[in-house]
C-alpha atoms as a PDB file:
ATOM      1  CA  UNK A   1      -0.026  -0.011  -0.062  1.00  0.00           C
ATOM      2  CA  UNK A   2       1.562   3.190  -1.061  1.00  0.00           C
ATOM      3  CA  UNK A   3       0.828   6.361   1.422  1.00  0.00           C
ATOM      4  CA  UNK A   4       1.798   9.889  -0.284  1.00  0.00           C
ATOM      5  CA  UNK A   5       1.478  13.125   1.456  1.00  0.00           C
ATOM      6  CA  UNK A   6      -1.492  15.202   0.521  1.00  0.00           C
ATOM      7  CA  UNK A   7       0.771  18.156  -0.742  1.00  0.00           C
ATOM      8  CA  UNK A   8       1.448  15.947  -3.643  1.00  0.00           C
ATOM      9  CA  UNK A   9      -2.231  15.390  -4.508  1.00  0.00           C
ATOM     10  CA  UNK A  10      -3.991  18.192  -6.606  1.00  0.00           C
ATOM     11  CA  UNK A  11      -6.085  20.614  -4.179  1.00  0.00           C
ATOM     12  CA  UNK A  12      -9.240  20.191  -5.868  1.00  0.00           C
ATOM     13  CA  UNK A  13      -9.201  16.330  -5.425  1.00  0.00           C
ATOM     14  CA  UNK A  14      -8.752  16.874  -2.000  1.00  0.00           C
ATOM     15  CA  UNK A  15     -11.519  19.521  -1.676  1.00  0.00           C
ATOM     16  CA  UNK A  16     -13.938  17.243  -3.782  1.00  0.00           C
ATOM     17  CA  UNK A  17     -13.122  14.210  -1.054  1.00  0.00           C
ATOM     18  CA  UNK A  18     -13.893  16.554   2.061  1.00  0.00           C
ATOM     19  CA  UNK A  19     -17.027  17.813   0.153  1.00  0.00           C
ATOM     20  CA  UNK A  20     -18.267  14.341  -0.502  1.00  0.00           C
ATOM     21  CA  UNK A  21     -17.392  12.847   2.833  1.00  0.00           C
ATOM     22  CA  UNK A  22     -17.902  15.760   5.111  1.00  0.00           C
ATOM     23  CA  UNK A  23     -20.401  17.908   3.606  1.00  0.00           C
ATOM     24  CA  UNK A  24     -17.558  20.671   3.404  1.00  0.00           C
ATOM     25  CA  UNK A  25     -13.726  21.114   3.874  1.00  0.00           C
ATOM     26  CA  UNK A  26     -14.170  22.936   7.140  1.00  0.00           C
ATOM     27  CA  UNK A  27     -13.774  20.808  10.612  1.00  0.00           C
ATOM     28  CA  UNK A  28     -15.273  22.449  13.507  1.00  0.00           C
ATOM     29  CA  UNK A  29     -14.464  20.471  16.872  1.00  0.00           C
ATOM     30  CA  UNK A  30     -13.620  21.972  20.221  1.00  0.00           C
ATOM     31  CA  UNK A  31      -9.911  22.403  19.687  1.00  0.00           C
ATOM     32  CA  UNK A  32     -10.929  24.859  16.595  1.00  0.00           C
ATOM     33  CA  UNK A  33     -11.897  25.502  13.259  1.00  0.00           C
ATOM     34  CA  UNK A  34     -10.057  23.643  10.295  1.00  0.00           C
ATOM     35  CA  UNK A  35      -9.773  23.770   6.461  1.00  0.00           C
ATOM     36  CA  UNK A  36      -8.999  20.242   6.190  1.00  0.00           C
ATOM     37  CA  UNK A  37      -8.069  20.612   2.399  1.00  0.00           C
ATOM     38  CA  UNK A  38      -4.953  22.921   3.633  1.00  0.00           C
ATOM     39  CA  UNK A  39      -3.549  20.797   6.736  1.00  0.00           C
ATOM     40  CA  UNK A  40      -0.749  18.264   6.671  1.00  0.00           C
ATOM     41  CA  UNK A  41      -1.742  14.719   6.079  1.00  0.00           C
ATOM     42  CA  UNK A  42      -1.382  11.454   4.200  1.00  0.00           C
ATOM     43  CA  UNK A  43      -3.345   9.644   1.634  1.00  0.00           C
ATOM     44  CA  UNK A  44      -3.782   6.112  -0.078  1.00  0.00           C
ATOM     45  CA  UNK A  45      -4.854   5.987  -3.785  1.00  0.00           C
ATOM     46  CA  UNK A  46      -6.650   3.124  -5.731  1.00  0.00           C
ATOM     47  CA  UNK A  47      -5.548   4.299  -9.351  1.00  0.00           C
ATOM     48  CA  UNK A  48      -6.437   8.235  -9.050  1.00  0.00           C
ATOM     49  CA  UNK A  49      -9.217   7.525  -6.395  1.00  0.00           C
ATOM     50  CA  UNK A  50      -8.595   8.421  -2.691  1.00  0.00           C
ATOM     51  CA  UNK A  51      -9.490   5.525  -0.547  1.00  0.00           C
ATOM     52  CA  UNK A  52      -7.798   6.916   2.555  1.00  0.00           C
ATOM     53  CA  UNK A  53      -6.860   9.937   3.996  1.00  0.00           C
ATOM     54  CA  UNK A  54      -5.595  11.270   7.475  1.00  0.00           C
ATOM     55  CA  UNK A  55      -5.023  15.025   8.654  1.00  0.00           C
ATOM     56  CA  UNK A  56      -3.420  16.441  11.357  1.00  0.00           C
ATOM     57  CA  UNK A  57      -1.596  19.406  13.168  1.00  0.00           C
ATOM     58  CA  UNK A  58       1.157  19.499  15.098  1.00  0.00           C
ATOM     59  CA  UNK A  59       1.489  22.295  18.105  1.00  0.00           C
ATOM     60  CA  UNK A  60       4.615  22.054  20.077  1.00  0.00           C
ATOM     61  CA  UNK A  61       5.116  18.596  21.610  1.00  0.00           C
ATOM     62  CA  UNK A  62       1.535  17.623  20.807  1.00  0.00           C
ATOM     63  CA  UNK A  63      -0.031  15.942  17.565  1.00  0.00           C
ATOM     64  CA  UNK A  64      -3.756  16.378  16.806  1.00  0.00           C
ATOM     65  CA  UNK A  65      -5.362  14.105  14.043  1.00  0.00           C
ATOM     66  CA  UNK A  66      -8.162  16.043  12.721  1.00  0.00           C
ATOM     67  CA  UNK A  67      -9.656  13.766  10.018  1.00  0.00           C
ATOM     68  CA  UNK A  68      -9.193  10.153   9.261  1.00  0.00           C
ATOM     69  CA  UNK A  69     -11.186   8.465   6.395  1.00  0.00           C
ATOM     70  CA  UNK A  70     -10.937   4.989   4.910  1.00  0.00           C
ATOM     71  CA  UNK A  71     -13.175   4.107   2.364  1.00  0.00           C
ATOM     72  CA  UNK A  72     -12.414   0.159   2.213  1.00  0.00           C
ATOM     73  CA  UNK A  73     -12.722  -1.176   5.649  1.00  0.00           C
ATOM     74  CA  UNK A  74     -10.824  -3.920   6.684  1.00  0.00           C
ATOM     75  CA  UNK A  75      -7.928  -3.607   4.707  1.00  0.00           C
ATOM     76  CA  UNK A  76      -5.602  -1.683   6.804  1.00  0.00           C
ATOM     77  CA  UNK A  77      -5.811   1.366   5.282  1.00  0.00           C
ATOM     78  CA  UNK A  78      -6.715   3.427   8.428  1.00  0.00           C
ATOM     79  CA  UNK A  79      -4.345   1.542  10.696  1.00  0.00           C
ATOM     80  CA  UNK A  80      -1.583   2.448   7.954  1.00  0.00           C
ATOM     81  CA  UNK A  81      -2.324   6.037   8.020  1.00  0.00           C
ATOM     82  CA  UNK A  82      -2.425   6.324  11.811  1.00  0.00           C
ATOM     83  CA  UNK A  83       0.810   4.502  11.984  1.00  0.00           C
ATOM     84  CA  UNK A  84       2.623   7.033   9.168  1.00  0.00           C
ATOM     85  CA  UNK A  85       1.184   9.886  11.378  1.00  0.00           C
ATOM     86  CA  UNK A  86       2.111   8.426  14.831  1.00  0.00           C
ATOM     87  CA  UNK A  87       5.902   8.033  13.363  1.00  0.00           C
ATOM     88  CA  UNK A  88       5.934  11.418  12.052  1.00  0.00           C
ATOM     89  CA  UNK A  89       4.727  12.898  15.385  1.00  0.00           C
ATOM     90  CA  UNK A  90       7.543  10.583  17.422  1.00  0.00           C
ATOM     91  CA  UNK A  91      10.265  12.201  14.606  1.00  0.00           C
ATOM     92  CA  UNK A  92       9.104  15.622  15.450  1.00  0.00           C
ATOM     93  CA  UNK A  93       9.288  14.653  19.178  1.00  0.00           C
ATOM     94  CA  UNK A  94       5.331  15.011  19.797  1.00  0.00           C
ATOM     95  CA  UNK A  95       4.719  13.502  23.609  1.00  0.00           C
ATOM     96  CA  UNK A  96       1.015  12.435  22.638  1.00  0.00           C
ATOM     97  CA  UNK A  97      -1.056  12.470  19.983  1.00  0.00           C
ATOM     98  CA  UNK A  98      -4.782  13.136  20.243  1.00  0.00           C
ATOM     99  CA  UNK A  99      -8.217  13.431  18.397  1.00  0.00           C
ATOM    100  CA  UNK A 100     -11.592  14.370  18.777  1.00  0.00           C
ATOM    101  CA  UNK A 101     -14.756  12.185  17.813  1.00  0.00           C
ATOM    102  CA  UNK A 102     -18.324  12.074  18.527  1.00  0.00           C
ATOM    103  CA  UNK A 103     -20.323   9.844  21.232  1.00  0.00           C
ATOM    104  CA  UNK A 104     -22.345   8.229  18.214  1.00  0.00           C
ATOM    105  CA  UNK A 105     -18.895   7.231  16.231  1.00  0.00           C
ATOM    106  CA  UNK A 106     -18.829   3.775  17.523  1.00  0.00           C
ATOM    107  CA  UNK A 107     -16.550   2.702  14.709  1.00  0.00           C
ATOM    108  CA  UNK A 108     -14.013   5.199  15.385  1.00  0.00           C
ATOM    109  CA  UNK A 109     -14.224   4.420  19.362  1.00  0.00           C
ATOM    110  CA  UNK A 110     -13.345   0.909  18.603  1.00  0.00           C
ATOM    111  CA  UNK A 111     -10.755   1.494  16.095  1.00  0.00           C
ATOM    112  CA  UNK A 112      -8.777   3.921  18.304  1.00  0.00           C
ATOM    113  CA  UNK A 113      -9.124   1.952  21.506  1.00  0.00           C
ATOM    114  CA  UNK A 114      -7.680  -1.118  19.733  1.00  0.00           C
ATOM    115  CA  UNK A 115      -4.735   0.967  18.926  1.00  0.00           C
ATOM    116  CA  UNK A 116      -3.535   1.960  22.583  1.00  0.00           C
ATOM    117  CA  UNK A 117      -5.631   5.266  22.648  1.00  0.00           C
ATOM    118  CA  UNK A 118      -7.407   6.081  25.796  1.00  0.00           C
ATOM    119  CA  UNK A 119     -10.528   7.987  26.398  1.00  0.00           C
ATOM    120  CA  UNK A 120      -9.277  11.175  27.970  1.00  0.00           C
ATOM    121  CA  UNK A 121     -12.216  13.665  28.470  1.00  0.00           C
ATOM    122  CA  UNK A 122     -15.823  13.740  27.396  1.00  0.00           C
ATOM    123  CA  UNK A 123     -17.195  17.456  26.351  1.00  0.00           C
ATOM    124  CA  UNK A 124     -21.042  17.254  26.878  1.00  0.00           C
ATOM    125  CA  UNK A 125     -23.234  18.818  24.318  1.00  0.00           C
ATOM    126  CA  UNK A 126     -20.083  20.089  22.328  1.00  0.00           C
ATOM    127  CA  UNK A 127     -21.551  19.314  19.135  1.00  0.00           C
ATOM    128  CA  UNK A 128     -24.553  21.565  19.719  1.00  0.00           C
ATOM    129  CA  UNK A 129     -21.814  24.590  19.733  1.00  0.00           C
ATOM    130  CA  UNK A 130     -20.152  23.473  16.588  1.00  0.00           C
ATOM    131  CA  UNK A 131     -23.458  23.254  14.869  1.00  0.00           C
ATOM    132  CA  UNK A 132     -23.927  26.862  15.352  1.00  0.00           C
ATOM    133  CA  UNK A 133     -20.792  27.225  13.196  1.00  0.00           C
ATOM    134  CA  UNK A 134     -21.330  24.203  10.939  1.00  0.00           C
ATOM    135  CA  UNK A 135     -25.326  23.430  10.673  1.00  0.00           C
ATOM    136  CA  UNK A 136     -24.884  20.602   8.173  1.00  0.00           C
ATOM    137  CA  UNK A 137     -23.812  18.401  11.140  1.00  0.00           C
ATOM    138  CA  UNK A 138     -26.664  16.002  11.590  1.00  0.00           C
ATOM    139  CA  UNK A 139     -28.792  15.858  14.891  1.00  0.00           C
ATOM    140  CA  UNK A 140     -28.945  11.992  14.696  1.00  0.00           C
ATOM    141  CA  UNK A 141     -26.313   9.365  13.334  1.00  0.00           C
ATOM    142  CA  UNK A 142     -27.489   6.844  10.701  1.00  0.00           C
ATOM    143  CA  UNK A 143     -27.584   4.514  13.847  1.00  0.00           C
ATOM    144  CA  UNK A 144     -30.182   6.657  15.425  1.00  0.00           C
ATOM    145  CA  UNK A 145     -27.732   8.164  18.233  1.00  0.00           C
ATOM    146  CA  UNK A 146     -28.283  11.618  18.883  1.00  0.00           C
ATOM    147  CA  UNK A 147     -24.765  13.338  18.154  1.00  0.00           C
ATOM    148  CA  UNK A 148     -24.277  15.620  20.862  1.00  0.00           C
ATOM    149  CA  UNK A 149     -21.021  15.121  22.804  1.00  0.00           C
ATOM    150  CA  UNK A 150     -17.136  14.944  21.906  1.00  0.00           C
ATOM    151  CA  UNK A 151     -14.960  12.395  23.098  1.00  0.00           C
ATOM    152  CA  UNK A 152     -11.249  13.229  23.423  1.00  0.00           C
ATOM    153  CA  UNK A 153      -8.891  10.267  22.897  1.00  0.00           C
ATOM    154  CA  UNK A 154      -4.922  10.432  23.363  1.00  0.00           C
ATOM    155  CA  UNK A 155      -1.920   8.162  23.191  1.00  0.00           C
ATOM    156  CA  UNK A 156       1.223   8.665  24.922  1.00  0.00           C
ATOM    157  CA  UNK A 157       4.149   8.504  22.440  1.00  0.00           C
ATOM    158  CA  UNK A 158       7.511   6.482  23.222  1.00  0.00           C
ATOM    159  CA  UNK A 159       9.649   9.148  21.870  1.00  0.00           C
ATOM    160  CA  UNK A 160      13.749   8.755  21.588  1.00  0.00           C
ATOM    161  CA  UNK A 161      14.993  11.861  23.128  1.00  0.00           C
ATOM    162  CA  UNK A 162      18.599  11.403  22.451  1.00  0.00           C
END
């Protein structure tokens, strides 16, 4: 599986991906408002089609994953992209990698916990605040779960300090 930086992709391809899968390139979460098409990240392609994409920011000794999408479940795409960001974060001397997801995202909660992320914080009703800035955030998930809380997951990184 070949992983490339999203900076090697045409901007319109990244913009189209986010518009299709997130409703816009804008991600509104408690840590900030991000234009995902301008963030650093990695992608997996099948031909010229993006089948996996991760974006992140590094701030001092912390790495935050802003988005992670795998369009072909069970093939290791999400795991490979996560490993790529973890290695980069370690090389940048980050002590922690963290992310925010919503209470309804059971697939993400399972995925990250299997990869040693801990539930760190629950931000009750945080999605209500985000909806004021991004009204296209649904009220209820496809599974019928009200989307209202944000959950912060974190993983401490073992870094070589030499």
